[in-house]
N, C-alpha and C. Protein backbone atom coordinates (compact mmCIF):
# COMPACT_ATOMS: atom_id res chain seq x y z
N MET A 1 -16.43 11.20 -17.62
CA MET A 1 -16.49 9.90 -18.26
C MET A 1 -16.50 8.83 -17.17
N GLU A 2 -17.50 7.98 -17.18
CA GLU A 2 -17.53 6.82 -16.31
C GLU A 2 -16.81 5.69 -17.01
N CYS A 3 -15.82 5.10 -16.36
CA CYS A 3 -15.04 4.08 -17.06
C CYS A 3 -15.66 2.70 -16.95
N GLU A 4 -16.61 2.48 -16.01
CA GLU A 4 -17.33 1.22 -15.88
C GLU A 4 -16.40 0.01 -15.90
N LEU A 5 -15.31 0.09 -15.14
CA LEU A 5 -14.33 -0.98 -14.99
C LEU A 5 -13.64 -1.33 -16.30
N GLU A 6 -13.57 -0.38 -17.18
CA GLU A 6 -12.94 -0.60 -18.47
C GLU A 6 -11.42 -0.63 -18.35
N PHE A 7 -10.87 0.01 -17.33
CA PHE A 7 -9.43 0.12 -17.16
C PHE A 7 -8.97 -0.64 -15.92
N VAL A 8 -7.73 -1.16 -15.99
CA VAL A 8 -7.20 -1.93 -14.88
C VAL A 8 -5.72 -1.62 -14.69
N PHE A 9 -5.26 -1.89 -13.48
CA PHE A 9 -3.84 -1.96 -13.20
C PHE A 9 -3.46 -3.44 -13.24
N ALA A 10 -2.34 -3.75 -13.84
CA ALA A 10 -1.77 -5.10 -13.73
C ALA A 10 -0.64 -4.97 -12.71
N TYR A 11 -0.79 -5.64 -11.59
CA TYR A 11 0.22 -5.63 -10.53
C TYR A 11 1.12 -6.84 -10.77
N ILE A 12 2.41 -6.57 -10.95
CA ILE A 12 3.37 -7.62 -11.31
C ILE A 12 4.59 -7.47 -10.41
N THR A 13 5.13 -8.58 -9.91
CA THR A 13 6.39 -8.51 -9.19
C THR A 13 7.47 -9.13 -10.07
N ALA A 14 8.68 -8.59 -9.93
CA ALA A 14 9.82 -9.06 -10.73
C ALA A 14 11.02 -9.28 -9.83
N SER A 15 11.97 -10.06 -10.32
CA SER A 15 13.15 -10.41 -9.52
C SER A 15 14.12 -9.25 -9.37
N SER A 16 14.05 -8.27 -10.26
CA SER A 16 15.00 -7.15 -10.23
C SER A 16 14.43 -5.95 -10.97
N ARG A 17 15.05 -4.81 -10.78
CA ARG A 17 14.68 -3.60 -11.52
C ARG A 17 14.84 -3.83 -13.02
N GLU A 18 15.93 -4.49 -13.40
CA GLU A 18 16.20 -4.73 -14.81
C GLU A 18 15.10 -5.58 -15.45
N GLU A 19 14.67 -6.62 -14.75
CA GLU A 19 13.61 -7.46 -15.29
C GLU A 19 12.30 -6.68 -15.41
N ALA A 20 11.97 -5.89 -14.38
CA ALA A 20 10.75 -5.08 -14.42
C ALA A 20 10.80 -4.08 -15.56
N LEU A 21 11.94 -3.43 -15.76
CA LEU A 21 12.09 -2.47 -16.86
C LEU A 21 11.93 -3.16 -18.21
N ARG A 22 12.52 -4.33 -18.37
CA ARG A 22 12.44 -5.07 -19.63
C ARG A 22 11.00 -5.45 -19.94
N ILE A 23 10.29 -5.97 -18.94
CA ILE A 23 8.90 -6.37 -19.13
C ILE A 23 8.02 -5.15 -19.38
N GLY A 24 8.20 -4.11 -18.56
CA GLY A 24 7.40 -2.90 -18.71
C GLY A 24 7.58 -2.26 -20.08
N ARG A 25 8.82 -2.18 -20.55
CA ARG A 25 9.09 -1.60 -21.87
C ARG A 25 8.41 -2.42 -22.96
N ALA A 26 8.48 -3.74 -22.87
CA ALA A 26 7.84 -4.60 -23.88
C ALA A 26 6.33 -4.38 -23.89
N LEU A 27 5.71 -4.29 -22.72
CA LEU A 27 4.26 -4.11 -22.66
C LEU A 27 3.84 -2.78 -23.29
N VAL A 28 4.61 -1.73 -23.04
CA VAL A 28 4.29 -0.42 -23.62
C VAL A 28 4.57 -0.42 -25.13
N GLU A 29 5.72 -0.96 -25.53
CA GLU A 29 6.05 -1.01 -26.96
C GLU A 29 5.00 -1.79 -27.76
N GLU A 30 4.48 -2.85 -27.17
CA GLU A 30 3.49 -3.69 -27.84
C GLU A 30 2.06 -3.19 -27.65
N ARG A 31 1.91 -2.05 -26.99
CA ARG A 31 0.64 -1.39 -26.75
C ARG A 31 -0.33 -2.23 -25.91
N LEU A 32 0.23 -3.14 -25.12
CA LEU A 32 -0.57 -3.90 -24.16
C LEU A 32 -0.79 -3.09 -22.89
N ALA A 33 0.02 -2.05 -22.69
CA ALA A 33 -0.12 -1.12 -21.57
C ALA A 33 0.22 0.27 -22.07
N ALA A 34 -0.44 1.27 -21.51
CA ALA A 34 -0.14 2.66 -21.86
C ALA A 34 1.04 3.17 -21.06
N CYS A 35 1.24 2.62 -19.88
CA CYS A 35 2.26 3.10 -18.95
C CYS A 35 2.65 1.96 -18.03
N ALA A 36 3.92 1.96 -17.62
CA ALA A 36 4.38 0.97 -16.64
C ALA A 36 5.21 1.70 -15.59
N ASN A 37 4.85 1.53 -14.33
CA ASN A 37 5.59 2.12 -13.21
C ASN A 37 6.45 1.05 -12.57
N VAL A 38 7.72 1.37 -12.32
CA VAL A 38 8.65 0.44 -11.69
C VAL A 38 8.99 0.99 -10.31
N LEU A 39 8.73 0.19 -9.28
CA LEU A 39 8.94 0.58 -7.89
C LEU A 39 9.95 -0.37 -7.26
N ASP A 40 11.12 0.15 -6.94
CA ASP A 40 12.18 -0.66 -6.34
C ASP A 40 11.99 -0.82 -4.83
N GLY A 41 12.71 -1.78 -4.27
CA GLY A 41 12.88 -1.86 -2.83
C GLY A 41 11.80 -2.60 -2.07
N MET A 42 11.08 -3.48 -2.71
CA MET A 42 10.07 -4.25 -2.00
C MET A 42 10.69 -5.52 -1.44
N THR A 43 10.30 -5.89 -0.24
CA THR A 43 10.68 -7.18 0.33
C THR A 43 9.44 -8.05 0.39
N SER A 44 9.52 -9.23 -0.16
CA SER A 44 8.41 -10.17 -0.15
C SER A 44 8.72 -11.32 0.80
N ILE A 45 7.74 -11.69 1.58
CA ILE A 45 7.82 -12.87 2.45
C ILE A 45 6.70 -13.79 2.00
N TYR A 46 7.04 -15.01 1.66
CA TYR A 46 6.07 -15.91 1.05
C TYR A 46 6.45 -17.37 1.32
N ARG A 47 5.48 -18.25 1.13
CA ARG A 47 5.73 -19.68 1.24
C ARG A 47 5.93 -20.23 -0.16
N TRP A 48 7.03 -20.96 -0.35
CA TRP A 48 7.31 -21.57 -1.66
C TRP A 48 7.85 -22.97 -1.43
N GLN A 49 7.17 -23.94 -1.98
CA GLN A 49 7.54 -25.34 -1.88
C GLN A 49 7.79 -25.76 -0.43
N GLY A 50 6.88 -25.32 0.44
CA GLY A 50 6.89 -25.73 1.84
C GLY A 50 7.78 -24.92 2.76
N ALA A 51 8.52 -23.97 2.26
CA ALA A 51 9.42 -23.18 3.10
C ALA A 51 9.04 -21.70 3.05
N ILE A 52 9.27 -21.00 4.15
CA ILE A 52 9.06 -19.56 4.20
C ILE A 52 10.29 -18.89 3.59
N GLU A 53 10.07 -18.06 2.60
CA GLU A 53 11.15 -17.38 1.87
C GLU A 53 11.03 -15.87 2.08
N GLU A 54 12.14 -15.18 1.92
CA GLU A 54 12.15 -13.72 1.93
C GLU A 54 13.07 -13.28 0.80
N ALA A 55 12.59 -12.34 -0.02
CA ALA A 55 13.37 -11.92 -1.18
C ALA A 55 13.12 -10.45 -1.50
N SER A 56 14.13 -9.81 -2.06
CA SER A 56 13.96 -8.46 -2.60
C SER A 56 13.33 -8.59 -3.97
N GLU A 57 12.34 -7.76 -4.24
CA GLU A 57 11.68 -7.77 -5.53
C GLU A 57 11.42 -6.33 -5.97
N THR A 58 11.01 -6.20 -7.20
CA THR A 58 10.61 -4.91 -7.75
C THR A 58 9.17 -5.04 -8.21
N VAL A 59 8.37 -4.02 -7.92
CA VAL A 59 6.97 -4.00 -8.34
C VAL A 59 6.86 -3.29 -9.68
N LEU A 60 6.07 -3.86 -10.56
CA LEU A 60 5.75 -3.26 -11.85
C LEU A 60 4.23 -3.11 -11.90
N ILE A 61 3.77 -1.90 -12.13
CA ILE A 61 2.33 -1.65 -12.27
C ILE A 61 2.10 -1.16 -13.69
N ALA A 62 1.36 -1.94 -14.46
CA ALA A 62 1.05 -1.58 -15.84
C ALA A 62 -0.41 -1.15 -15.92
N LYS A 63 -0.65 -0.06 -16.64
CA LYS A 63 -2.00 0.47 -16.78
C LYS A 63 -2.51 0.14 -18.17
N THR A 64 -3.70 -0.48 -18.21
CA THR A 64 -4.22 -0.98 -19.48
C THR A 64 -5.74 -1.01 -19.47
N ARG A 65 -6.30 -1.48 -20.57
CA ARG A 65 -7.75 -1.71 -20.66
C ARG A 65 -8.05 -3.13 -20.20
N ALA A 66 -9.18 -3.31 -19.55
CA ALA A 66 -9.56 -4.63 -19.03
C ALA A 66 -9.55 -5.69 -20.13
N GLU A 67 -9.98 -5.33 -21.31
CA GLU A 67 -10.05 -6.31 -22.40
C GLU A 67 -8.68 -6.80 -22.85
N LEU A 68 -7.61 -6.08 -22.48
CA LEU A 68 -6.25 -6.49 -22.85
C LEU A 68 -5.53 -7.28 -21.77
N PHE A 69 -6.15 -7.42 -20.60
CA PHE A 69 -5.44 -8.03 -19.48
C PHE A 69 -4.96 -9.45 -19.78
N ASP A 70 -5.79 -10.28 -20.37
CA ASP A 70 -5.38 -11.66 -20.63
C ASP A 70 -4.17 -11.71 -21.56
N ARG A 71 -4.16 -10.90 -22.60
CA ARG A 71 -3.00 -10.84 -23.50
C ARG A 71 -1.76 -10.33 -22.77
N LEU A 72 -1.95 -9.30 -21.93
CA LEU A 72 -0.84 -8.76 -21.15
C LEU A 72 -0.27 -9.83 -20.22
N ALA A 73 -1.13 -10.53 -19.51
CA ALA A 73 -0.68 -11.56 -18.57
C ALA A 73 0.07 -12.68 -19.29
N THR A 74 -0.41 -13.07 -20.45
CA THR A 74 0.28 -14.10 -21.25
C THR A 74 1.66 -13.62 -21.65
N ARG A 75 1.77 -12.37 -22.05
CA ARG A 75 3.06 -11.81 -22.47
C ARG A 75 4.01 -11.72 -21.27
N VAL A 76 3.52 -11.30 -20.11
CA VAL A 76 4.36 -11.24 -18.91
C VAL A 76 4.89 -12.63 -18.58
N ARG A 77 4.05 -13.64 -18.62
CA ARG A 77 4.50 -15.01 -18.31
C ARG A 77 5.59 -15.45 -19.27
N ALA A 78 5.49 -15.05 -20.54
CA ALA A 78 6.51 -15.43 -21.53
C ALA A 78 7.84 -14.72 -21.28
N LEU A 79 7.80 -13.51 -20.75
CA LEU A 79 9.01 -12.72 -20.54
C LEU A 79 9.64 -12.90 -19.16
N HIS A 80 8.90 -13.46 -18.23
CA HIS A 80 9.29 -13.47 -16.81
C HIS A 80 10.23 -14.62 -16.47
N SER A 81 11.10 -14.39 -15.50
CA SER A 81 12.04 -15.42 -15.06
C SER A 81 11.43 -16.40 -14.05
N TYR A 82 10.33 -16.04 -13.40
CA TYR A 82 9.73 -16.91 -12.39
C TYR A 82 8.91 -18.02 -13.03
N ASP A 83 8.84 -19.17 -12.35
CA ASP A 83 7.95 -20.25 -12.78
C ASP A 83 6.49 -19.84 -12.63
N VAL A 84 6.20 -19.11 -11.53
CA VAL A 84 4.83 -18.68 -11.23
C VAL A 84 4.85 -17.18 -10.90
N PRO A 85 4.91 -16.34 -11.92
CA PRO A 85 4.96 -14.90 -11.63
C PRO A 85 3.63 -14.36 -11.11
N CYS A 86 3.73 -13.35 -10.26
CA CYS A 86 2.55 -12.64 -9.79
C CYS A 86 2.12 -11.68 -10.89
N VAL A 87 0.95 -11.91 -11.44
CA VAL A 87 0.33 -11.00 -12.42
C VAL A 87 -1.14 -10.98 -12.06
N VAL A 88 -1.59 -9.89 -11.42
CA VAL A 88 -2.99 -9.81 -11.01
C VAL A 88 -3.61 -8.52 -11.52
N GLU A 89 -4.90 -8.58 -11.73
CA GLU A 89 -5.67 -7.45 -12.23
C GLU A 89 -6.34 -6.72 -11.07
N LEU A 90 -6.16 -5.41 -11.04
CA LEU A 90 -6.83 -4.55 -10.06
C LEU A 90 -7.69 -3.57 -10.84
N LYS A 91 -8.98 -3.63 -10.65
CA LYS A 91 -9.89 -2.80 -11.43
C LYS A 91 -9.83 -1.34 -10.98
N ILE A 92 -9.92 -0.44 -11.95
CA ILE A 92 -9.97 1.00 -11.70
C ILE A 92 -11.43 1.42 -11.77
N GLY A 93 -11.92 2.00 -10.70
CA GLY A 93 -13.33 2.42 -10.67
C GLY A 93 -13.57 3.70 -11.44
N ARG A 94 -12.90 4.76 -11.04
CA ARG A 94 -13.07 6.06 -11.69
C ARG A 94 -11.71 6.73 -11.78
N GLY A 95 -11.62 7.78 -12.61
CA GLY A 95 -10.36 8.49 -12.72
C GLY A 95 -10.51 9.78 -13.51
N ASN A 96 -9.42 10.49 -13.65
CA ASN A 96 -9.37 11.72 -14.43
C ASN A 96 -9.79 11.38 -15.87
N PRO A 97 -10.87 11.95 -16.37
CA PRO A 97 -11.34 11.60 -17.72
C PRO A 97 -10.27 11.78 -18.80
N ALA A 98 -9.49 12.84 -18.71
CA ALA A 98 -8.46 13.07 -19.72
C ALA A 98 -7.39 11.98 -19.66
N TYR A 99 -7.04 11.54 -18.45
CA TYR A 99 -6.05 10.47 -18.30
C TYR A 99 -6.59 9.16 -18.84
N LEU A 100 -7.83 8.85 -18.53
CA LEU A 100 -8.43 7.60 -19.01
C LEU A 100 -8.55 7.61 -20.54
N GLU A 101 -8.84 8.76 -21.12
CA GLU A 101 -8.89 8.85 -22.58
C GLU A 101 -7.50 8.60 -23.17
N TRP A 102 -6.46 9.17 -22.54
CA TRP A 102 -5.08 8.93 -22.98
C TRP A 102 -4.76 7.44 -22.89
N LEU A 103 -5.13 6.82 -21.77
CA LEU A 103 -4.88 5.39 -21.59
C LEU A 103 -5.56 4.58 -22.70
N ARG A 104 -6.78 4.93 -23.01
CA ARG A 104 -7.52 4.25 -24.08
C ARG A 104 -6.78 4.40 -25.41
N ASN A 105 -6.33 5.60 -25.71
CA ASN A 105 -5.69 5.87 -27.00
C ASN A 105 -4.32 5.23 -27.14
N GLU A 106 -3.63 4.97 -26.05
CA GLU A 106 -2.27 4.45 -26.11
C GLU A 106 -2.17 2.93 -26.06
N THR A 107 -3.31 2.26 -25.92
CA THR A 107 -3.30 0.81 -25.88
C THR A 107 -3.88 0.26 -27.18
N ALA A 108 -3.54 -1.00 -27.46
CA ALA A 108 -3.93 -1.62 -28.74
C ALA A 108 -5.43 -1.68 -28.91
C-alpha cells in the first residue's frame, strides 16, 4: 500500500510526562490519533521573549491521518499549558501496510 502522504506524525513537546500522557490519552480517546508515544528526558534550549532558556520537557509523538492534523493541533492547543506549544506535522512517506491500515482504522 502506498500511503501517498496520507499519514503523519504530530511532534509535540510538553512540560512534563503527566501533561504529555494527558494530551496523548485525549487524542487517542477522541480518535484524533491511533497511538501516542511519550518520551521522557528531553532538554530543550530555546529563545523566549529575548532570553535563552533551558528546560526539561517530554516529547509526545501522535500518529494520525494527514486530514486530521488540523483538528489534532487545535485540540492540543486547548489542552496544553504553554502559550505557544510545539505542534508540528511530519509526513510519513511509506510504512508497513498492515500498520498503516491499523492507523487508518483507529482514527476518526
